[in-house]
Protein backbone atom coordinates (compact mmCIF):
# COMPACT_ATOMS: atom_id res chain seq x y z
CA UNK A 1 -1.56 -12.03 -19.36
CA UNK A 2 1.40 -11.19 -21.56
CA UNK A 3 -0.83 -10.71 -24.64
CA UNK A 4 -3.04 -8.34 -22.66
CA UNK A 5 -0.05 -6.36 -21.37
CA UNK A 6 1.46 -6.15 -24.85
CA UNK A 7 -1.80 -5.07 -26.49
CA UNK A 8 -2.40 -2.31 -23.96
CA UNK A 9 1.25 -1.39 -23.43
CA UNK A 10 0.87 2.36 -24.09
CA UNK A 11 -2.17 2.60 -21.81
CA UNK A 12 -0.34 0.71 -19.07
CA UNK A 13 2.63 3.00 -19.46
CA UNK A 14 0.45 6.14 -19.27
CA UNK A 15 -1.37 4.86 -16.17
CA UNK A 16 1.95 3.88 -14.61
CA UNK A 17 3.46 7.33 -15.15
CA UNK A 18 0.33 9.11 -13.84
CA UNK A 19 0.22 7.06 -10.65
CA UNK A 20 3.97 7.24 -10.07
CA UNK A 21 3.67 11.03 -10.23
CA UNK A 22 0.78 10.97 -7.74
CA UNK A 23 2.76 8.71 -5.40
CA UNK A 24 5.86 10.91 -5.62
CA UNK A 25 3.86 14.05 -4.89
CA UNK A 26 2.82 12.44 -1.62
CA UNK A 27 6.32 11.14 -0.91
CA UNK A 28 7.68 14.68 -1.28
CA UNK A 29 4.85 16.39 0.64
CA UNK A 30 4.24 14.10 3.63
CA UNK A 31 7.68 14.54 5.26
CA UNK A 32 7.25 18.31 4.82
CA UNK A 33 3.91 18.07 6.66
CA UNK A 34 5.74 16.23 9.44
CA UNK A 35 8.26 19.08 9.68
CA UNK A 36 5.41 21.52 10.28
CA UNK A 37 3.57 19.07 12.52
CA UNK A 38 6.60 18.95 14.83
CA UNK A 39 6.23 22.69 15.35
CA UNK A 40 2.69 22.60 16.80
CA UNK A 41 1.50 21.90 20.31
CA UNK A 42 0.22 18.35 20.85
CA UNK A 43 -3.58 18.09 21.16
CA UNK A 44 -4.03 21.58 19.70
CA UNK A 45 -6.38 22.40 16.85
CA UNK A 46 -3.40 22.58 14.48
CA UNK A 47 -2.23 19.16 15.67
CA UNK A 48 -5.63 17.67 14.83
CA UNK A 49 -5.63 19.39 11.42
CA UNK A 50 -2.23 17.93 10.57
CA UNK A 51 -3.40 14.47 11.64
CA UNK A 52 -6.37 14.67 9.25
CA UNK A 53 -4.21 15.99 6.38
CA UNK A 54 -1.56 13.30 6.86
CA UNK A 55 -4.09 10.48 7.16
CA UNK A 56 -5.98 11.54 4.03
CA UNK A 57 -2.79 12.06 2.02
CA UNK A 58 -1.63 8.53 2.85
CA UNK A 59 -4.93 6.68 2.57
CA UNK A 60 -6.58 8.53 -0.31
CA UNK A 61 -3.62 9.41 -2.52
CA UNK A 62 -0.35 7.72 -1.62
CA UNK A 63 -1.44 4.15 -0.82
CA UNK A 64 -3.66 3.71 -3.90
CA UNK A 65 -1.07 5.42 -6.13
CA UNK A 66 1.69 3.12 -4.86
CA UNK A 67 -0.44 0.02 -5.43
CA UNK A 68 -1.40 1.04 -8.98
CA UNK A 69 2.24 1.95 -9.69
CA UNK A 70 3.40 -1.49 -8.57
CA UNK A 71 0.70 -3.39 -10.49
CA UNK A 72 1.18 -1.47 -13.74
CA UNK A 73 4.97 -1.68 -13.33
CA UNK A 74 4.78 -5.46 -13.05
CA UNK A 75 2.53 -5.62 -16.12
CA UNK A 76 5.00 -3.44 -18.04
CA UNK A 77 7.86 -5.76 -17.10
CA UNK A 78 5.81 -8.69 -18.38
CA UNK A 79 4.94 -6.84 -21.61
CA UNK A 80 8.50 -5.72 -22.37
CA UNK A 81 10.58 -8.51 -20.89
CA UNK A 82 12.75 -5.90 -19.17
CA UNK A 83 15.21 -7.54 -16.82
CA UNK A 84 15.38 -10.73 -18.86
CA UNK A 85 18.80 -12.18 -19.70
CA UNK A 86 20.62 -9.94 -22.15
CA UNK A 87 18.64 -6.78 -21.32
CA UNK A 88 21.12 -5.41 -18.80
CA UNK A 89 20.94 -4.98 -15.07
CA UNK A 90 19.25 -1.57 -14.99
CA UNK A 91 15.84 -3.10 -14.23
CA UNK A 92 17.20 -5.08 -11.28
CA UNK A 93 18.74 -1.94 -9.78
CA UNK A 94 15.56 0.03 -10.51
CA UNK A 95 13.46 -2.59 -8.72
CA UNK A 96 15.77 -2.45 -5.70
CA UNK A 97 15.37 1.34 -5.61
CA UNK A 98 11.58 1.06 -6.00
CA UNK A 99 11.53 -1.36 -3.07
CA UNK A 100 13.58 1.17 -1.09
CA UNK A 101 10.96 3.80 -1.99
CA UNK A 102 8.30 1.41 -0.73
CA UNK A 103 10.24 1.02 2.51
CA UNK A 104 10.37 4.82 2.93
CA UNK A 105 6.61 4.87 2.28
CA UNK A 106 6.19 2.32 5.08
CA UNK A 107 8.35 4.42 7.41
CA UNK A 108 6.28 7.51 6.64
CA UNK A 109 3.14 5.52 7.41
CA UNK A 110 4.52 4.41 10.78
CA UNK A 111 5.50 8.00 11.63
CA UNK A 112 1.95 9.12 10.81
CA UNK A 113 0.61 6.56 13.28
CA UNK A 114 3.01 7.86 15.95
CA UNK A 115 1.76 11.43 15.36
CA UNK A 116 -1.82 10.12 15.50
CA UNK A 117 -1.17 8.58 18.94
CA UNK A 118 0.71 11.66 20.14
CA UNK A 119 3.92 9.62 20.43
CA UNK A 120 6.19 11.19 17.82
CA UNK A 121 9.82 11.01 18.95
CA UNK A 122 11.42 12.35 15.76
CA UNK A 123 12.66 15.90 15.36
CA UNK A 124 11.86 18.51 12.79
CA UNK A 125 15.45 18.15 11.53
CA UNK A 126 15.00 14.39 11.10
CA UNK A 127 11.99 14.95 8.85
CA UNK A 128 13.84 17.64 6.90
CA UNK A 129 16.57 15.09 6.11
CA UNK A 130 14.08 12.30 5.40
CA UNK A 131 12.35 14.64 2.95
CA UNK A 132 15.41 14.36 0.66
CA UNK A 133 15.44 10.55 0.45
CA UNK A 134 12.52 10.18 -2.03
CA UNK A 135 14.11 12.89 -4.21
CA UNK A 136 17.42 11.04 -4.43
CA UNK A 137 15.66 7.73 -5.10
CA UNK A 138 13.42 9.13 -7.84
CA UNK A 139 16.38 10.80 -9.58
CA UNK A 140 18.26 7.50 -9.66
CA UNK A 141 15.17 5.60 -10.84
CA UNK A 142 14.44 8.04 -13.68
CA UNK A 143 18.04 7.99 -14.85
CA UNK A 144 18.05 4.18 -14.90
CA UNK A 145 14.77 4.02 -16.83
CA UNK A 146 15.69 6.64 -19.42
CA UNK A 147 19.39 5.94 -19.95
CA UNK A 148 19.45 2.17 -19.23
CA UNK A 149 23.23 2.36 -19.01
CA UNK A 150 23.82 -0.66 -16.78
């Protein structure tokens, strides 16, 4: 596996970056959809439109993008040995932040299911605040990856 990852390192890196971008687009957009979804009448035509948009964004874009990001990220760790003794702690912190991003993804998925059932209990303001969490996480992750200062 390591020989494969090393031989195709640049391709893995390109695929990883592409799918991370796709995942982050969804992570930034879905909470914004929830903000607007809170503003419509339940069981209205707009409510049904938001449900379709949210479901497709999660199932067609975000879930596959997250999975490919995780798989290629693991292969890149194998290929580079990042996080091994003597390479610093930046990768450990990055992985913790990526897991936090995955947890936010899971929360967004559960909120979509609540909207789908007509049981959303969260406010528009809650989703406006939640919309900032992926931004903060991705800023910290990018800084750790580029600067590797820890």
